[in-house]
Amino acid sequence: MRAAVVTAFGGPEVIEVREVPDPVPAAGQVLVEVELADLIFVETAIRRGGHGKFFEVEPPYVPGSNLGGRVRAVGPGVPADWIGKTVVGRPPNFGGHAELAVLTPEVELPPELALETAVAVYGDGFTALMLEELAPSMTGRNVLITASAGGMGLLLIQLAHQAGAHVIAAARGEEKLALSRAQGADVLIDYSKPGWEKSVLEATNNQGADIVFEGAGGELGATAFTVTKDGGWFSAHGAPSGGFAPIDPATADRRGITVKGIMDLRADSTTTKVTAHNVLTRAAKGDLRPVIDRIYPLAQLPDAHQSLENRTLRGKALIRIR
């Protein structure tokens, strides 16, 4: 089969499309003819050799997490009636950017959802619903969302808006802010401008944000923490700036701020009620509406990585495999 292979840790140029052996489904798994796959920012960091303590990946490996396609075969213990169904899911250790992939079948594509929508919402939607589950009630609260024009940021705006929050979206540039407004943001702040945190305080009557969904990381994330209300809630889940927001636990404790990190959003280490069925059901209802900017062919996966790293995408990028 054809697959994208990360040949070494490095820039997008280390990705090559090669012929590799077909995977074989193990017990409890199905073999999927992949049609579309997702691309999320953390995959670019892993490709560079980052996040080793969170993801045990060594080159050469096939990248790609969330995917959708038709079941070709089943492994031991899986009912044969899965064959021929269109499914959406996540391989156990990447492998989605290939013509064939294995996964544990959880959910069939609902007839009312397009495959593009289901694949685009599956990963970010799962995380967004986990954040919704972890966070306090957003109704009537000032909610700050950084990296608001990213795939997950836009979903968080939608959820906060539906909950009746006063939504403050922070992103870089007018185009991204306009997209944030279209999803339901009430206040738009360009955090490429010096002193942007003062605008957050102005939007909250100098009280600070009650809830912060911090998806930018680095110094932007650290600044967002300074305008979190004492006694508030802060999630440091994004790292596109090179690392997660550096939060001093002593300062958080002194200010009474509850801080959640990336480990609080891993289903394998967190008790959560969110399921794949929940994600696709909420998407079918219109609660989660992914914004797809571009769909790249598999051969252009390096270009997709570069666009994601250059912050030129507005919402999601998908990869068409076949």
C-alpha atoms as a PDB file:
ATOM      1  CA  MET A   1       0.000   0.000   0.000  1.00  0.00           C
ATOM      2  CA  ARG A   2       0.977   3.663  -0.358  1.00  0.00           C
ATOM      3  CA  ALA A   3       1.663   5.491   2.869  1.00  0.00           C
ATOM      4  CA  ALA A   4       3.290   8.661   4.072  1.00  0.00           C
ATOM      5  CA  VAL A   5       6.374   7.851   6.127  1.00  0.00           C
ATOM      6  CA  VAL A   6       8.239  10.139   8.520  1.00  0.00           C
ATOM      7  CA  THR A   7      11.761   8.992   7.718  1.00  0.00           C
ATOM      8  CA  ALA A   8      13.529  10.956  10.474  1.00  0.00           C
ATOM      9  CA  PHE A   9      12.716  13.688  12.952  1.00  0.00           C
ATOM     10  CA  GLY A  10      12.873  17.049  11.200  1.00  0.00           C
ATOM     11  CA  GLY A  11      11.019  19.451   8.932  1.00  0.00           C
ATOM     12  CA  PRO A  12       8.182  18.607   6.530  1.00  0.00           C
ATOM     13  CA  GLU A  13      10.727  17.387   3.969  1.00  0.00           C
ATOM     14  CA  VAL A  14      11.313  14.219   6.029  1.00  0.00           C
ATOM     15  CA  ILE A  15       7.868  12.952   4.952  1.00  0.00           C
ATOM     16  CA  GLU A  16       7.972  10.611   1.957  1.00  0.00           C
ATOM     17  CA  VAL A  17       5.210   8.631   0.254  1.00  0.00           C
ATOM     18  CA  ARG A  18       6.359   5.025  -0.061  1.00  0.00           C
ATOM     19  CA  GLU A  19       5.107   1.509  -0.648  1.00  0.00           C
ATOM     20  CA  VAL A  20       4.911  -0.287   2.707  1.00  0.00           C
ATOM     21  CA  PRO A  21       3.456  -3.624   3.818  1.00  0.00           C
ATOM     22  CA  ASP A  22      -0.291  -3.790   4.417  1.00  0.00           C
ATOM     23  CA  PRO A  23      -1.245  -3.815   8.110  1.00  0.00           C
ATOM     24  CA  VAL A  24      -3.067  -6.851   9.508  1.00  0.00           C
ATOM     25  CA  PRO A  25      -5.933  -6.382  11.966  1.00  0.00           C
ATOM     26  CA  ALA A  26      -5.310  -7.936  15.372  1.00  0.00           C
ATOM     27  CA  ALA A  27      -7.977  -9.235  17.720  1.00  0.00           C
ATOM     28  CA  GLY A  28     -10.688  -6.619  18.151  1.00  0.00           C
ATOM     29  CA  GLN A  29      -9.527  -4.566  15.158  1.00  0.00           C
ATOM     30  CA  VAL A  30     -10.733  -3.897  11.627  1.00  0.00           C
ATOM     31  CA  LEU A  31      -8.795  -3.099   8.466  1.00  0.00           C
ATOM     32  CA  VAL A  32      -9.985   0.151   6.886  1.00  0.00           C
ATOM     33  CA  GLU A  33      -9.590   1.417   3.326  1.00  0.00           C
ATOM     34  CA  VAL A  34      -8.811   4.996   4.311  1.00  0.00           C
ATOM     35  CA  GLU A  35     -10.538   7.694   2.286  1.00  0.00           C
ATOM     36  CA  LEU A  36      -9.856  10.777   4.428  1.00  0.00           C
ATOM     37  CA  ALA A  37      -7.630  11.500   7.411  1.00  0.00           C
ATOM     38  CA  ASP A  38      -7.253  14.403   9.781  1.00  0.00           C
ATOM     39  CA  LEU A  39      -4.164  16.505  10.471  1.00  0.00           C
ATOM     40  CA  ILE A  40      -3.654  18.127  13.874  1.00  0.00           C
ATOM     41  CA  PHE A  41      -0.907  20.496  15.016  1.00  0.00           C
ATOM     42  CA  VAL A  42       0.594  18.090  17.538  1.00  0.00           C
ATOM     43  CA  GLU A  43       1.563  15.810  14.645  1.00  0.00           C
ATOM     44  CA  THR A  44       3.928  18.490  13.347  1.00  0.00           C
ATOM     45  CA  ALA A  45       5.596  18.717  16.757  1.00  0.00           C
ATOM     46  CA  ILE A  46       5.957  14.929  16.956  1.00  0.00           C
ATOM     47  CA  ARG A  47       7.481  14.926  13.457  1.00  0.00           C
ATOM     48  CA  ARG A  48      10.106  17.398  14.702  1.00  0.00           C
ATOM     49  CA  GLY A  49      10.892  15.109  17.651  1.00  0.00           C
ATOM     50  CA  GLY A  50       8.857  16.908  20.311  1.00  0.00           C
ATOM     51  CA  HIS A  51       6.367  15.629  22.910  1.00  0.00           C
ATOM     52  CA  GLY A  52       8.340  12.422  23.404  1.00  0.00           C
ATOM     53  CA  LYS A  53       7.050  12.073  26.960  1.00  0.00           C
ATOM     54  CA  PHE A  54       3.469  12.032  25.664  1.00  0.00           C
ATOM     55  CA  PHE A  55       3.836  10.010  22.440  1.00  0.00           C
ATOM     56  CA  GLU A  56       6.163   7.022  22.046  1.00  0.00           C
ATOM     57  CA  VAL A  57       6.979   7.365  18.350  1.00  0.00           C
ATOM     58  CA  GLU A  58      10.298   6.762  16.594  1.00  0.00           C
ATOM     59  CA  PRO A  59      11.037   7.107  12.842  1.00  0.00           C
ATOM     60  CA  PRO A  60      10.328   5.587  10.478  1.00  0.00           C
ATOM     61  CA  TYR A  61       6.607   5.729  11.221  1.00  0.00           C
ATOM     62  CA  VAL A  62       3.367   6.403   9.376  1.00  0.00           C
ATOM     63  CA  PRO A  63       1.705   9.562  10.779  1.00  0.00           C
ATOM     64  CA  GLY A  64      -1.983  10.371  10.872  1.00  0.00           C
ATOM     65  CA  SER A  65      -4.491  10.002  13.659  1.00  0.00           C
ATOM     66  CA  ASN A  66      -8.219  10.328  12.980  1.00  0.00           C
ATOM     67  CA  LEU A  67      -9.525   8.784   9.764  1.00  0.00           C
ATOM     68  CA  GLY A  68     -12.570   7.612   7.914  1.00  0.00           C
ATOM     69  CA  GLY A  69     -13.126   4.881   5.368  1.00  0.00           C
ATOM     70  CA  ARG A  70     -14.663   1.537   4.476  1.00  0.00           C
ATOM     71  CA  VAL A  71     -13.970  -1.642   6.450  1.00  0.00           C
ATOM     72  CA  ARG A  72     -12.272  -4.222   4.222  1.00  0.00           C
ATOM     73  CA  ALA A  73     -11.618  -6.997   6.753  1.00  0.00           C
ATOM     74  CA  VAL A  74     -12.017  -7.827  10.435  1.00  0.00           C
ATOM     75  CA  GLY A  75      -9.671  -9.326  12.979  1.00  0.00           C
ATOM     76  CA  PRO A  76     -10.435 -12.117  15.442  1.00  0.00           C
ATOM     77  CA  GLY A  77     -13.416 -11.427  17.656  1.00  0.00           C
ATOM     78  CA  VAL A  78     -14.965  -8.731  15.446  1.00  0.00           C
ATOM     79  CA  PRO A  79     -18.356  -9.510  13.875  1.00  0.00           C
ATOM     80  CA  ALA A  80     -18.176  -9.927  10.099  1.00  0.00           C
ATOM     81  CA  ASP A  81     -21.058  -7.486   9.622  1.00  0.00           C
ATOM     82  CA  TRP A  82     -18.553  -4.633  10.100  1.00  0.00           C
ATOM     83  CA  ILE A  83     -17.198  -5.423   6.637  1.00  0.00           C
ATOM     84  CA  GLY A  84     -18.401  -2.842   4.120  1.00  0.00           C
ATOM     85  CA  LYS A  85     -19.403  -0.273   6.728  1.00  0.00           C
ATOM     86  CA  THR A  86     -17.954   3.232   6.663  1.00  0.00           C
ATOM     87  CA  VAL A  87     -16.335   4.003   9.992  1.00  0.00           C
ATOM     88  CA  VAL A  88     -14.551   6.900  11.668  1.00  0.00           C
ATOM     89  CA  GLY A  89     -11.891   6.301  14.284  1.00  0.00           C
ATOM     90  CA  ARG A  90      -8.314   6.569  15.486  1.00  0.00           C
ATOM     91  CA  PRO A  91      -5.537   4.012  14.916  1.00  0.00           C
ATOM     92  CA  PRO A  92      -3.801   2.828  18.102  1.00  0.00           C
ATOM     93  CA  ASN A  93      -0.438   4.493  17.327  1.00  0.00           C
ATOM     94  CA  PHE A  94      -0.902   6.790  14.324  1.00  0.00           C
ATOM     95  CA  GLY A  95      -0.908   5.219  10.849  1.00  0.00           C
ATOM     96  CA  GLY A  96      -3.841   7.125   9.346  1.00  0.00           C
ATOM     97  CA  HIS A  97      -1.967   8.678   6.426  1.00  0.00           C
ATOM     98  CA  ALA A  98      -1.982   5.467   4.434  1.00  0.00           C
ATOM     99  CA  GLU A  99      -4.248   3.585   2.065  1.00  0.00           C
ATOM    100  CA  LEU A 100      -4.958   0.985   4.744  1.00  0.00           C
ATOM    101  CA  ALA A 101      -5.060   1.314   8.525  1.00  0.00           C
ATOM    102  CA  VAL A 102      -6.243  -0.703  11.510  1.00  0.00           C
ATOM    103  CA  LEU A 103      -8.403   0.538  14.340  1.00  0.00           C
ATOM    104  CA  THR A 104     -10.827  -0.672  16.964  1.00  0.00           C
ATOM    105  CA  PRO A 105     -14.308  -0.108  15.528  1.00  0.00           C
ATOM    106  CA  GLU A 106     -16.385   2.185  17.706  1.00  0.00           C
ATOM    107  CA  VAL A 107     -18.831   4.028  15.511  1.00  0.00           C
ATOM    108  CA  GLU A 108     -20.274   3.764  12.024  1.00  0.00           C
ATOM    109  CA  LEU A 109     -20.661   6.948  10.003  1.00  0.00           C
ATOM    110  CA  PRO A 110     -24.166   8.324  10.646  1.00  0.00           C
ATOM    111  CA  PRO A 111     -26.113   8.666   7.383  1.00  0.00           C
ATOM    112  CA  GLU A 112     -26.808  12.341   8.051  1.00  0.00           C
ATOM    113  CA  LEU A 113     -23.094  13.256   8.288  1.00  0.00           C
ATOM    114  CA  ALA A 114     -20.708  13.739   5.378  1.00  0.00           C
ATOM    115  CA  LEU A 115     -17.471  11.807   5.803  1.00  0.00           C
ATOM    116  CA  GLU A 116     -15.473  15.063   5.545  1.00  0.00           C
ATOM    117  CA  THR A 117     -17.409  16.527   8.478  1.00  0.00           C
ATOM    118  CA  ALA A 118     -17.092  13.382  10.578  1.00  0.00           C
ATOM    119  CA  VAL A 119     -13.331  13.069  10.085  1.00  0.00           C
ATOM    120  CA  ALA A 120     -12.765  16.793  10.661  1.00  0.00           C
ATOM    121  CA  VAL A 121     -14.747  16.805  13.906  1.00  0.00           C
ATOM    122  CA  TYR A 122     -13.689  13.470  15.351  1.00  0.00           C
ATOM    123  CA  GLY A 123     -10.385  14.351  17.039  1.00  0.00           C
ATOM    124  CA  ASP A 124     -10.881  18.018  17.911  1.00  0.00           C
ATOM    125  CA  GLY A 125     -14.507  17.355  18.790  1.00  0.00           C
ATOM    126  CA  PHE A 126     -13.535  14.655  21.261  1.00  0.00           C
ATOM    127  CA  THR A 127     -11.109  17.038  22.968  1.00  0.00           C
ATOM    128  CA  ALA A 128     -13.578  19.939  22.890  1.00  0.00           C
ATOM    129  CA  LEU A 129     -16.277  17.832  24.549  1.00  0.00           C
ATOM    130  CA  MET A 130     -13.809  16.658  27.177  1.00  0.00           C
ATOM    131  CA  LEU A 131     -12.979  20.310  27.906  1.00  0.00           C
ATOM    132  CA  GLU A 132     -16.693  21.098  28.092  1.00  0.00           C
ATOM    133  CA  GLU A 133     -17.046  18.203  30.552  1.00  0.00           C
ATOM    134  CA  LEU A 134     -14.069  19.300  32.688  1.00  0.00           C
ATOM    135  CA  ALA A 135     -14.842  23.025  32.802  1.00  0.00           C
ATOM    136  CA  PRO A 136     -17.318  24.730  35.123  1.00  0.00           C
ATOM    137  CA  SER A 137     -20.632  25.856  33.679  1.00  0.00           C
ATOM    138  CA  MET A 138     -19.999  28.477  31.003  1.00  0.00           C
ATOM    139  CA  THR A 139     -23.445  30.054  31.221  1.00  0.00           C
ATOM    140  CA  GLY A 140     -23.107  33.775  31.864  1.00  0.00           C
ATOM    141  CA  ARG A 141     -19.332  33.522  32.273  1.00  0.00           C
ATOM    142  CA  ASN A 142     -16.517  35.380  30.527  1.00  0.00           C
ATOM    143  CA  VAL A 143     -14.769  32.689  28.469  1.00  0.00           C
ATOM    144  CA  LEU A 144     -11.431  33.448  26.787  1.00  0.00           C
ATOM    145  CA  ILE A 145     -10.390  31.192  23.892  1.00  0.00           C
ATOM    146  CA  THR A 146      -6.895  31.599  22.463  1.00  0.00           C
ATOM    147  CA  ALA A 147      -5.866  30.191  19.070  1.00  0.00           C
ATOM    148  CA  SER A 148      -9.542  30.729  18.393  1.00  0.00           C
ATOM    149  CA  ALA A 149      -9.347  30.172  14.629  1.00  0.00           C
ATOM    150  CA  GLY A 150      -7.752  26.739  14.871  1.00  0.00           C
ATOM    151  CA  GLY A 151      -9.758  23.583  14.368  1.00  0.00           C
ATOM    152  CA  MET A 152     -10.480  23.108  18.071  1.00  0.00           C
ATOM    153  CA  GLY A 153     -10.676  26.806  18.921  1.00  0.00           C
ATOM    154  CA  LEU A 154     -13.612  27.234  16.539  1.00  0.00           C
ATOM    155  CA  LEU A 155     -15.430  24.274  18.107  1.00  0.00           C
ATOM    156  CA  LEU A 156     -14.858  25.717  21.592  1.00  0.00           C
ATOM    157  CA  ILE A 157     -16.323  29.040  20.465  1.00  0.00           C
ATOM    158  CA  GLN A 158     -19.408  27.192  19.261  1.00  0.00           C
ATOM    159  CA  LEU A 159     -19.813  25.295  22.551  1.00  0.00           C
ATOM    160  CA  ALA A 160     -19.278  28.396  24.688  1.00  0.00           C
ATOM    161  CA  HIS A 161     -21.720  30.415  22.578  1.00  0.00           C
ATOM    162  CA  GLN A 162     -24.362  27.691  22.841  1.00  0.00           C
ATOM    163  CA  ALA A 163     -23.881  27.628  26.618  1.00  0.00           C
ATOM    164  CA  GLY A 164     -24.644  31.341  26.863  1.00  0.00           C
ATOM    165  CA  ALA A 165     -21.131  32.525  27.653  1.00  0.00           C
ATOM    166  CA  HIS A 166     -19.626  35.924  26.855  1.00  0.00           C
ATOM    167  CA  VAL A 167     -17.041  34.619  24.389  1.00  0.00           C
ATOM    168  CA  ILE A 168     -13.705  36.415  23.976  1.00  0.00           C
ATOM    169  CA  ALA A 169     -11.742  35.117  20.984  1.00  0.00           C
ATOM    170  CA  ALA A 170      -8.026  35.789  20.656  1.00  0.00           C
ATOM    171  CA  ALA A 171      -6.182  35.043  17.418  1.00  0.00           C
ATOM    172  CA  ARG A 172      -3.688  36.566  15.015  1.00  0.00           C
ATOM    173  CA  GLY A 173      -4.997  38.877  12.292  1.00  0.00           C
ATOM    174  CA  GLU A 174      -8.327  40.157  11.010  1.00  0.00           C
ATOM    175  CA  GLU A 175      -9.153  37.136   8.845  1.00  0.00           C
ATOM    176  CA  LYS A 176      -8.893  34.687  11.734  1.00  0.00           C
ATOM    177  CA  LEU A 177     -10.865  36.995  14.006  1.00  0.00           C
ATOM    178  CA  ALA A 178     -13.618  37.330  11.404  1.00  0.00           C
ATOM    179  CA  LEU A 179     -13.848  33.543  11.267  1.00  0.00           C
ATOM    180  CA  SER A 180     -14.057  33.470  15.065  1.00  0.00           C
ATOM    181  CA  ARG A 181     -16.912  35.964  15.026  1.00  0.00           C
ATOM    182  CA  ALA A 182     -18.786  33.821  12.495  1.00  0.00           C
ATOM    183  CA  GLN A 183     -18.749  30.952  15.012  1.00  0.00           C
ATOM    184  CA  GLY A 184     -20.255  33.076  17.798  1.00  0.00           C
ATOM    185  CA  ALA A 185     -17.475  35.104  19.447  1.00  0.00           C
ATOM    186  CA  ASP A 186     -18.628  38.321  21.132  1.00  0.00           C
ATOM    187  CA  VAL A 187     -15.250  40.051  21.546  1.00  0.00           C
ATOM    188  CA  LEU A 188     -12.326  39.805  19.120  1.00  0.00           C
ATOM    189  CA  ILE A 189      -8.736  40.417  20.229  1.00  0.00           C
ATOM    190  CA  ASP A 190      -5.655  40.334  18.014  1.00  0.00           C
ATOM    191  CA  TYR A 191      -2.915  38.903  20.209  1.00  0.00           C
ATOM    192  CA  SER A 192      -0.208  39.829  17.715  1.00  0.00           C
ATOM    193  CA  LYS A 193      -0.566  43.384  19.032  1.00  0.00           C
ATOM    194  CA  PRO A 194       1.347  44.442  22.158  1.00  0.00           C
ATOM    195  CA  GLY A 195      -0.742  44.780  25.287  1.00  0.00           C
ATOM    196  CA  TRP A 196      -3.556  42.548  24.020  1.00  0.00           C
ATOM    197  CA  GLU A 197      -4.159  41.316  27.547  1.00  0.00           C
ATOM    198  CA  LYS A 198      -5.453  44.784  28.482  1.00  0.00           C
ATOM    199  CA  SER A 199      -8.264  44.265  25.984  1.00  0.00           C
ATOM    200  CA  VAL A 200      -9.244  41.081  27.837  1.00  0.00           C
ATOM    201  CA  LEU A 201      -9.472  43.013  31.084  1.00  0.00           C
ATOM    202  CA  GLU A 202     -11.519  45.753  29.409  1.00  0.00           C
ATOM    203  CA  ALA A 203     -13.926  43.114  28.067  1.00  0.00           C
ATOM    204  CA  THR A 204     -14.399  41.663  31.568  1.00  0.00           C
ATOM    205  CA  ASN A 205     -14.778  44.883  33.599  1.00  0.00           C
ATOM    206  CA  ASN A 206     -11.213  44.395  34.830  1.00  0.00           C
ATOM    207  CA  GLN A 207     -12.180  41.128  36.507  1.00  0.00           C
ATOM    208  CA  GLY A 208     -10.407  38.735  34.130  1.00  0.00           C
ATOM    209  CA  ALA A 209     -11.806  35.698  32.346  1.00  0.00           C
ATOM    210  CA  ASP A 210     -13.687  33.151  34.439  1.00  0.00           C
ATOM    211  CA  ILE A 211     -12.726  30.306  32.118  1.00  0.00           C
ATOM    212  CA  VAL A 212      -9.759  30.159  29.740  1.00  0.00           C
ATOM    213  CA  PHE A 213      -9.334  27.598  26.977  1.00  0.00           C
ATOM    214  CA  GLU A 214      -5.670  28.198  26.160  1.00  0.00           C
ATOM    215  CA  GLY A 215      -4.687  26.727  22.813  1.00  0.00           C
ATOM    216  CA  ALA A 216      -1.710  28.892  21.830  1.00  0.00           C
ATOM    217  CA  GLY A 217       0.951  27.894  24.363  1.00  0.00           C
ATOM    218  CA  GLY A 218       4.235  29.600  25.119  1.00  0.00           C
ATOM    219  CA  GLU A 219       4.315  33.244  26.120  1.00  0.00           C
ATOM    220  CA  LEU A 220       0.832  33.839  24.719  1.00  0.00           C
ATOM    221  CA  GLY A 221      -0.457  31.190  27.088  1.00  0.00           C
ATOM    222  CA  ALA A 222       1.484  32.640  30.004  1.00  0.00           C
ATOM    223  CA  THR A 223      -0.047  36.048  29.291  1.00  0.00           C
ATOM    224  CA  ALA A 224      -3.527  34.533  29.091  1.00  0.00           C
ATOM    225  CA  PHE A 225      -2.993  33.108  32.575  1.00  0.00           C
ATOM    226  CA  THR A 226      -2.310  36.600  33.948  1.00  0.00           C
ATOM    227  CA  VAL A 227      -5.808  37.718  32.874  1.00  0.00           C
ATOM    228  CA  THR A 228      -7.557  34.700  34.339  1.00  0.00           C
ATOM    229  CA  LYS A 229      -9.834  35.738  37.187  1.00  0.00           C
ATOM    230  CA  ASP A 230      -8.790  34.772  40.707  1.00  0.00           C
ATOM    231  CA  GLY A 231     -10.722  31.607  41.504  1.00  0.00           C
ATOM    232  CA  GLY A 232     -11.097  30.913  37.775  1.00  0.00           C
ATOM    233  CA  TRP A 233     -10.419  27.883  35.599  1.00  0.00           C
ATOM    234  CA  PHE A 234      -7.600  27.498  33.061  1.00  0.00           C
ATOM    235  CA  SER A 235      -6.839  24.768  30.523  1.00  0.00           C
ATOM    236  CA  ALA A 236      -3.313  24.722  29.052  1.00  0.00           C
ATOM    237  CA  HIS A 237      -3.958  22.262  26.228  1.00  0.00           C
ATOM    238  CA  GLY A 238      -2.277  23.868  23.186  1.00  0.00           C
ATOM    239  CA  ALA A 239       1.362  24.185  22.220  1.00  0.00           C
ATOM    240  CA  PRO A 240       1.689  25.558  18.664  1.00  0.00           C
ATOM    241  CA  SER A 241       4.008  28.288  19.966  1.00  0.00           C
ATOM    242  CA  GLY A 242       6.568  25.651  20.896  1.00  0.00           C
ATOM    243  CA  GLY A 243       5.360  24.449  24.289  1.00  0.00           C
ATOM    244  CA  PHE A 244       2.421  24.439  26.652  1.00  0.00           C
ATOM    245  CA  ALA A 245       1.748  27.582  28.664  1.00  0.00           C
ATOM    246  CA  PRO A 246       4.263  27.709  31.557  1.00  0.00           C
ATOM    247  CA  ILE A 247       2.132  27.978  34.674  1.00  0.00           C
ATOM    248  CA  ASP A 248       3.644  28.307  38.147  1.00  0.00           C
ATOM    249  CA  PRO A 249       1.691  25.929  40.420  1.00  0.00           C
ATOM    250  CA  ALA A 250       2.362  28.114  43.460  1.00  0.00           C
ATOM    251  CA  THR A 251       0.904  31.162  41.722  1.00  0.00           C
ATOM    252  CA  ALA A 252      -2.130  29.192  40.592  1.00  0.00           C
ATOM    253  CA  ASP A 253      -2.661  27.924  44.118  1.00  0.00           C
ATOM    254  CA  ARG A 254      -2.290  31.387  45.622  1.00  0.00           C
ATOM    255  CA  ARG A 255      -4.830  32.813  43.189  1.00  0.00           C
ATOM    256  CA  GLY A 256      -7.200  29.865  43.554  1.00  0.00           C
ATOM    257  CA  ILE A 257      -7.093  29.035  39.833  1.00  0.00           C
ATOM    258  CA  THR A 258      -7.840  25.469  38.764  1.00  0.00           C
ATOM    259  CA  VAL A 259      -5.353  24.451  36.054  1.00  0.00           C
ATOM    260  CA  LYS A 260      -5.821  21.543  33.656  1.00  0.00           C
ATOM    261  CA  GLY A 261      -3.118  20.258  31.314  1.00  0.00           C
ATOM    262  CA  ILE A 262      -2.748  17.894  28.383  1.00  0.00           C
ATOM    263  CA  MET A 263      -2.765  14.800  30.618  1.00  0.00           C
ATOM    264  CA  ASP A 264      -6.269  15.728  31.741  1.00  0.00           C
ATOM    265  CA  LEU A 265      -7.381  15.352  28.115  1.00  0.00           C
ATOM    266  CA  ARG A 266      -6.042  11.879  27.366  1.00  0.00           C
ATOM    267  CA  ALA A 267      -8.804   9.309  27.338  1.00  0.00           C
ATOM    268  CA  ASP A 268      -6.318   6.609  28.351  1.00  0.00           C
ATOM    269  CA  SER A 269      -5.442   8.461  31.550  1.00  0.00           C
ATOM    270  CA  THR A 270      -8.672  10.292  32.318  1.00  0.00           C
ATOM    271  CA  THR A 271     -12.105   9.167  33.400  1.00  0.00           C
ATOM    272  CA  THR A 272     -14.451  10.690  30.850  1.00  0.00           C
ATOM    273  CA  LYS A 273     -18.001  10.063  29.708  1.00  0.00           C
ATOM    274  CA  VAL A 274     -17.272  11.392  26.209  1.00  0.00           C
ATOM    275  CA  THR A 275     -17.472   8.720  23.501  1.00  0.00           C
ATOM    276  CA  ALA A 276     -17.058   8.631  19.735  1.00  0.00           C
ATOM    277  CA  HIS A 277     -20.832   8.294  19.501  1.00  0.00           C
ATOM    278  CA  ASN A 278     -21.231  11.527  21.516  1.00  0.00           C
ATOM    279  CA  VAL A 279     -18.937  13.412  19.153  1.00  0.00           C
ATOM    280  CA  LEU A 280     -20.710  12.367  15.965  1.00  0.00           C
ATOM    281  CA  THR A 281     -24.157  12.793  17.534  1.00  0.00           C
ATOM    282  CA  ARG A 282     -23.329  16.350  18.599  1.00  0.00           C
ATOM    283  CA  ALA A 283     -21.961  17.026  15.119  1.00  0.00           C
ATOM    284  CA  ALA A 284     -25.135  15.654  13.518  1.00  0.00           C
ATOM    285  CA  LYS A 285     -27.192  17.957  15.781  1.00  0.00           C
ATOM    286  CA  GLY A 286     -25.111  20.958  14.690  1.00  0.00           C
ATOM    287  CA  ASP A 287     -23.477  21.558  18.079  1.00  0.00           C
ATOM    288  CA  LEU A 288     -20.041  20.908  16.538  1.00  0.00           C
ATOM    289  CA  ARG A 289     -19.469  22.331  13.068  1.00  0.00           C
ATOM    290  CA  PRO A 290     -15.872  21.892  11.899  1.00  0.00           C
ATOM    291  CA  VAL A 291     -14.494  24.468   9.481  1.00  0.00           C
ATOM    292  CA  ILE A 292     -12.487  22.768   6.729  1.00  0.00           C
ATOM    293  CA  ASP A 293     -10.036  25.072   4.995  1.00  0.00           C
ATOM    294  CA  ARG A 294      -8.271  22.671   2.609  1.00  0.00           C
ATOM    295  CA  ILE A 295      -8.192  19.016   1.630  1.00  0.00           C
ATOM    296  CA  TYR A 296      -4.715  17.940   0.490  1.00  0.00           C
ATOM    297  CA  PRO A 297      -3.891  14.797  -1.498  1.00  0.00           C
ATOM    298  CA  LEU A 298      -1.588  12.357   0.295  1.00  0.00           C
ATOM    299  CA  ALA A 299       1.381  13.360  -1.888  1.00  0.00           C
ATOM    300  CA  GLN A 300       1.062  16.921  -0.565  1.00  0.00           C
ATOM    301  CA  LEU A 301       1.166  15.979   3.125  1.00  0.00           C
ATOM    302  CA  PRO A 302       4.475  17.883   3.570  1.00  0.00           C
ATOM    303  CA  ASP A 303       2.744  21.015   2.222  1.00  0.00           C
ATOM    304  CA  ALA A 304      -0.123  20.499   4.672  1.00  0.00           C
ATOM    305  CA  HIS A 305       2.356  20.252   7.567  1.00  0.00           C
ATOM    306  CA  GLN A 306       4.067  23.441   6.383  1.00  0.00           C
ATOM    307  CA  SER A 307       0.775  25.339   6.130  1.00  0.00           C
ATOM    308  CA  LEU A 308      -0.179  24.253   9.629  1.00  0.00           C
ATOM    309  CA  GLU A 309       3.179  25.360  11.023  1.00  0.00           C
ATOM    310  CA  ASN A 310       3.016  28.672   9.132  1.00  0.00           C
ATOM    311  CA  ARG A 311      -0.415  29.407  10.672  1.00  0.00           C
ATOM    312  CA  THR A 312      -1.914  29.989   7.220  1.00  0.00           C
ATOM    313  CA  LEU A 313      -4.834  27.592   7.667  1.00  0.00           C
ATOM    314  CA  ARG A 314      -8.254  28.812   8.787  1.00  0.00           C
ATOM    315  CA  GLY A 315      -9.739  25.875  10.613  1.00  0.00           C
ATOM    316  CA  LYS A 316      -8.978  22.296   9.571  1.00  0.00           C
ATOM    317  CA  ALA A 317      -6.829  20.590   6.970  1.00  0.00           C
ATOM    318  CA  LEU A 318      -7.782  17.094   5.841  1.00  0.00           C
ATOM    319  CA  ILE A 319      -5.770  14.586   3.810  1.00  0.00           C
ATOM    320  CA  ARG A 320      -7.456  12.700   0.977  1.00  0.00           C
ATOM    321  CA  ILE A 321      -5.955   9.231   0.686  1.00  0.00           C
ATOM    322  CA  ARG A 322      -8.025   7.824  -2.185  1.00  0.00           C
END
